[in-house]
Amino acid sequence: MSKKIKKTFKIVVGVIVFLTLPSLLFFGFLFFKYNEDLPAGKQGKQADALATKMLKTLNYQAYKNTDYIEWTFKKRHHFNWDKKNNICDVFWRNNKVILNFNNLSKSKAYTNNIPQSGENATKLIKKATTLFNNDSFWLVAPFKVFDDGVERRLVKTETNGDALLVSYTSGGSTPGDSYLWIFDENGKPKAFKIWASILPIKGLEASWSDWKTTETGAELPTFHKLLVLGLELDDIRTFN
């Protein structure tokens, strides 16, 4: 190997180490600081009672009676959700997808207002479904605690009192994920810890503290903080 090649090789290796080492050290710090095992909890009436109390603080009946919700997630994805008829218009970039949750085969996809078909339509519909599953969860997750395929457990914690462990055994884009809801003194959610397959660090905490009373009376969040990241939910409107 010539001296020039050796020098180039050393420079490339040095750049890689320079760029990756801080990232690895930072990840290691976060892992050892925040990573937690999934806590054990007890299923039964006490867990269900805690979940019911949470729903009451958020005016679940008003949410249940809400027919239509609009919102924007992180200023990137916009949703017009006809909750009553189980249809949602999803907008991102130059794409629009009309998701028909009663029959996904009837969903329609557009790019630059031009109807798409075949593989292009399939990809856009799949993408829109993933966006809806993720972005709507950050909006209405508390209201899903009694959905089919959901398990609820009461967890006794040292610092936050009674907490509610919610595990999704089916549905959505990532079945198997679990969330530990933490409450304020009134039983209203203030944060949850996340055990999700897409996150390498288990037990990260996200805030649920920036609530808005919507036009229909349902309480919905406008912002979440996850480590140094902010997840904004803007332009929230609800209709009966």
Protein backbone atom coordinates (compact mmCIF):
# COMPACT_ATOMS: atom_id res chain seq x y z
CA MET A 1 0.00 0.00 0.00
CA SER A 2 1.47 3.37 -1.03
CA LYS A 3 2.02 6.19 1.44
CA LYS A 4 -0.70 8.25 -0.27
CA ILE A 5 -3.27 5.45 0.07
CA LYS A 6 -2.26 4.86 3.71
CA LYS A 7 -2.66 8.54 4.46
CA THR A 8 -6.08 8.66 2.78
CA PHE A 9 -7.13 5.53 4.69
CA LYS A 10 -6.09 7.07 8.02
CA ILE A 11 -7.99 10.25 7.24
CA VAL A 12 -11.15 8.33 6.35
CA VAL A 13 -10.89 6.19 9.50
CA GLY A 14 -10.26 9.30 11.59
CA VAL A 15 -13.33 11.04 10.17
CA ILE A 16 -15.51 7.97 10.83
CA VAL A 17 -14.29 7.71 14.42
CA PHE A 18 -14.75 11.45 14.91
CA LEU A 19 -18.33 11.31 13.69
CA THR A 20 -19.44 8.04 15.30
CA LEU A 21 -17.70 8.01 18.67
CA PRO A 22 -19.61 10.96 20.17
CA SER A 23 -22.88 9.42 18.93
CA LEU A 24 -22.02 6.06 20.49
CA LEU A 25 -21.03 7.71 23.77
CA PHE A 26 -24.23 9.75 23.80
CA PHE A 27 -26.36 6.68 23.10
CA GLY A 28 -24.54 4.78 25.84
CA PHE A 29 -25.23 7.61 28.28
CA LEU A 30 -28.93 7.64 27.39
CA PHE A 31 -29.17 3.85 27.56
CA PHE A 32 -27.70 3.56 31.04
CA LYS A 33 -29.60 6.61 32.30
CA TYR A 34 -33.07 5.83 30.95
CA ASN A 35 -33.33 2.19 29.89
CA GLU A 36 -35.76 0.26 32.12
CA ASP A 37 -37.27 -3.19 32.13
CA LEU A 38 -41.00 -3.40 31.56
CA PRO A 39 -42.58 -3.22 35.03
CA ALA A 40 -44.83 -5.92 36.40
CA GLY A 41 -48.41 -5.08 37.16
CA LYS A 42 -51.71 -6.60 38.18
CA GLN A 43 -54.71 -6.94 35.91
CA GLY A 44 -58.22 -6.63 37.26
CA LYS A 45 -60.74 -4.22 38.72
CA GLN A 46 -58.20 -1.78 40.20
CA ALA A 47 -56.43 -1.33 36.88
CA ASP A 48 -59.73 -0.84 35.07
CA ALA A 49 -60.85 1.66 37.71
CA LEU A 50 -57.66 3.70 37.23
CA ALA A 51 -58.19 3.67 33.45
CA THR A 52 -61.80 4.77 33.91
CA LYS A 53 -60.70 7.62 36.19
CA MET A 54 -58.25 8.79 33.52
CA LEU A 55 -60.99 8.81 30.88
CA LYS A 56 -63.28 10.80 33.16
CA THR A 57 -60.67 13.55 33.65
CA LEU A 58 -60.42 13.88 29.85
CA ASN A 59 -64.19 13.97 29.28
CA TYR A 60 -64.29 10.68 27.41
CA GLN A 61 -68.01 10.99 26.74
CA ALA A 62 -67.38 14.24 24.84
CA TYR A 63 -64.62 12.53 22.84
CA LYS A 64 -66.90 9.56 22.12
CA ASN A 65 -69.60 11.92 20.83
CA THR A 66 -67.12 13.85 18.66
CA ASP A 67 -67.76 13.05 15.01
CA TYR A 68 -64.88 14.89 13.35
CA ILE A 69 -61.30 15.83 14.31
CA GLU A 70 -58.74 17.89 12.40
CA TRP A 71 -55.10 18.29 13.39
CA THR A 72 -51.55 18.76 12.09
CA PHE A 73 -48.66 16.69 13.41
CA LYS A 74 -45.20 18.30 13.64
CA LYS A 75 -46.25 20.75 10.90
CA ARG A 76 -45.71 17.95 8.37
CA HIS A 77 -48.85 15.80 8.24
CA HIS A 78 -52.43 17.03 8.26
CA PHE A 79 -55.50 14.94 9.05
CA ASN A 80 -59.22 15.41 8.52
CA TRP A 81 -60.69 12.49 10.46
CA ASP A 82 -64.35 11.67 10.02
CA LYS A 83 -64.44 9.55 13.17
CA LYS A 84 -68.14 8.84 12.91
CA ASN A 85 -67.85 7.26 9.45
CA ASN A 86 -64.34 5.83 9.97
CA ILE A 87 -62.73 7.77 7.13
CA CYS A 88 -59.68 10.05 7.22
CA ASP A 89 -58.10 12.38 4.66
CA VAL A 90 -54.32 12.38 5.13
CA PHE A 91 -52.14 15.10 3.60
CA TRP A 92 -48.33 15.27 3.41
CA ARG A 93 -46.04 16.94 0.91
CA ASN A 94 -47.92 16.81 -2.41
CA ASN A 95 -49.90 13.69 -1.49
CA LYS A 96 -53.47 13.12 -0.36
CA VAL A 97 -54.95 9.80 0.68
CA ILE A 98 -58.57 9.16 1.60
CA LEU A 99 -58.39 6.23 4.02
CA ASN A 100 -61.51 4.10 4.33
CA PHE A 101 -60.95 2.10 7.51
CA ASN A 102 -64.12 0.07 6.95
CA ASN A 103 -62.64 -1.24 3.71
CA LEU A 104 -59.06 -0.16 2.91
CA SER A 105 -59.45 -1.42 -0.67
CA LYS A 106 -61.83 1.51 -1.22
CA SER A 107 -59.17 4.04 -0.15
CA LYS A 108 -58.01 6.54 -2.78
CA ALA A 109 -54.62 8.16 -3.33
CA TYR A 110 -53.59 11.34 -5.13
CA THR A 111 -50.29 13.06 -5.97
CA ASN A 112 -50.48 16.67 -7.14
CA ASN A 113 -54.27 16.09 -7.25
CA ILE A 114 -53.79 13.35 -9.84
CA PRO A 115 -55.45 10.00 -8.95
CA GLN A 116 -52.93 7.21 -8.43
CA SER A 117 -53.41 3.52 -9.15
CA GLY A 118 -51.59 0.20 -8.93
CA GLU A 119 -48.34 0.05 -6.97
CA ASN A 120 -48.14 3.82 -6.47
CA ALA A 121 -51.57 3.90 -4.87
CA THR A 122 -50.78 0.89 -2.68
CA LYS A 123 -47.59 2.51 -1.38
CA LEU A 124 -49.32 5.81 -0.64
CA ILE A 125 -52.21 4.11 1.16
CA LYS A 126 -49.77 2.07 3.25
CA LYS A 127 -47.78 5.21 4.08
CA ALA A 128 -50.92 7.14 5.02
CA THR A 129 -52.08 4.28 7.27
CA THR A 130 -48.74 4.30 9.08
CA LEU A 131 -48.89 8.08 9.50
CA PHE A 132 -52.40 7.91 10.87
CA ASN A 133 -51.60 5.09 13.31
CA ASN A 134 -48.60 6.96 14.71
CA ASP A 135 -49.84 10.55 14.64
CA SER A 136 -53.34 9.82 15.92
CA PHE A 137 -51.87 7.83 18.81
CA TRP A 138 -50.08 10.95 20.04
CA LEU A 139 -53.47 12.70 19.92
CA VAL A 140 -55.94 10.16 21.32
CA ALA A 141 -53.92 7.40 23.03
CA PRO A 142 -55.68 7.79 26.41
CA PHE A 143 -59.03 7.05 24.79
CA LYS A 144 -57.79 3.71 23.45
CA VAL A 145 -57.21 1.98 26.80
CA PHE A 146 -60.36 -0.14 26.50
CA ASP A 147 -59.93 -1.02 22.82
CA ASP A 148 -59.98 -4.66 21.74
CA GLY A 149 -56.61 -6.33 22.25
CA VAL A 150 -55.56 -3.94 25.04
CA GLU A 151 -54.39 -5.18 28.43
CA ARG A 152 -54.40 -2.94 31.52
CA ARG A 153 -52.31 -3.47 34.66
CA LEU A 154 -51.98 -1.49 37.87
CA VAL A 155 -48.35 -0.70 38.71
CA LYS A 156 -47.23 0.59 42.11
CA THR A 157 -44.36 3.06 41.70
CA GLU A 158 -42.17 4.69 44.34
CA THR A 159 -42.18 8.18 42.86
CA ASN A 160 -45.50 8.45 40.99
CA GLY A 161 -47.92 6.36 43.02
CA ASP A 162 -50.38 4.23 41.09
CA ALA A 163 -49.60 4.05 37.38
CA LEU A 164 -51.38 2.29 34.54
CA LEU A 165 -49.50 -0.10 32.27
CA VAL A 166 -51.29 -0.43 28.92
CA SER A 167 -50.15 -3.13 26.47
CA TYR A 168 -51.38 -3.44 22.89
CA THR A 169 -51.49 -7.07 21.85
CA SER A 170 -52.99 -6.38 18.43
CA GLY A 171 -53.90 -3.58 16.03
CA GLY A 172 -52.01 -0.50 14.88
CA SER A 173 -48.65 -0.60 13.14
CA THR A 174 -46.62 -1.97 16.06
CA PRO A 175 -48.60 -4.45 18.15
CA GLY A 176 -46.77 -5.54 21.30
CA ASP A 177 -45.89 -2.04 22.50
CA SER A 178 -46.56 -1.00 26.11
CA TYR A 179 -47.00 2.37 27.81
CA LEU A 180 -46.95 3.25 31.51
CA TRP A 181 -49.32 6.15 32.19
CA ILE A 182 -48.34 8.52 35.02
CA PHE A 183 -50.95 10.82 36.55
CA ASP A 184 -51.21 14.10 38.42
CA GLU A 185 -53.04 14.46 41.73
CA ASN A 186 -56.40 14.58 39.93
CA GLY A 187 -55.85 11.43 37.93
CA LYS A 188 -55.16 13.27 34.69
CA PRO A 189 -52.31 11.96 32.51
CA LYS A 190 -49.11 13.98 32.76
CA ALA A 191 -46.69 11.57 31.04
CA PHE A 192 -46.14 8.03 29.90
CA LYS A 193 -43.12 5.78 29.62
CA ILE A 194 -42.67 3.89 26.37
CA TRP A 195 -41.67 0.31 25.62
CA ALA A 196 -41.90 0.25 21.83
CA SER A 197 -40.24 -1.98 19.27
CA ILE A 198 -39.03 1.01 17.23
CA LEU A 199 -37.13 2.51 20.18
CA PRO A 200 -33.79 0.97 21.21
CA ILE A 201 -34.08 2.50 24.69
CA LYS A 202 -36.98 1.14 26.74
CA GLY A 203 -38.86 3.24 29.26
CA LEU A 204 -38.31 6.69 27.75
CA GLU A 205 -40.75 9.25 29.14
CA ALA A 206 -42.89 11.61 27.07
CA SER A 207 -44.99 14.40 28.54
CA TRP A 208 -48.77 14.64 28.26
CA SER A 209 -49.24 17.98 29.97
CA ASP A 210 -50.23 20.54 27.31
CA TRP A 211 -53.97 19.92 27.09
CA LYS A 212 -56.63 21.79 25.14
CA THR A 213 -60.37 21.72 25.75
CA THR A 214 -61.73 21.39 22.22
CA GLU A 215 -64.94 22.70 20.69
CA THR A 216 -66.80 19.48 21.59
CA GLY A 217 -65.46 19.41 25.16
CA ALA A 218 -62.94 16.61 24.68
CA GLU A 219 -59.47 17.16 26.14
CA LEU A 220 -56.69 16.72 23.56
CA PRO A 221 -52.92 17.36 23.81
CA THR A 222 -51.09 20.06 21.85
CA PHE A 223 -47.47 19.17 22.64
CA HIS A 224 -45.28 16.33 23.90
CA LYS A 225 -41.69 16.46 25.08
CA LEU A 226 -39.54 13.36 24.53
CA LEU A 227 -35.97 13.93 25.79
CA VAL A 228 -34.95 17.06 23.84
CA LEU A 229 -37.51 16.51 21.09
CA GLY A 230 -40.79 18.38 20.81
CA LEU A 231 -43.84 16.86 19.12
CA GLU A 232 -46.33 19.57 18.19
CA LEU A 233 -50.00 18.98 17.41
CA ASP A 234 -51.43 22.11 15.82
CA ASP A 235 -54.70 23.26 14.25
CA ILE A 236 -56.77 20.93 16.45
CA ARG A 237 -60.49 21.31 15.81
CA THR A 238 -63.39 19.04 16.74
CA PHE A 239 -67.00 18.90 15.59
CA ASN A 240 -70.13 16.92 16.43
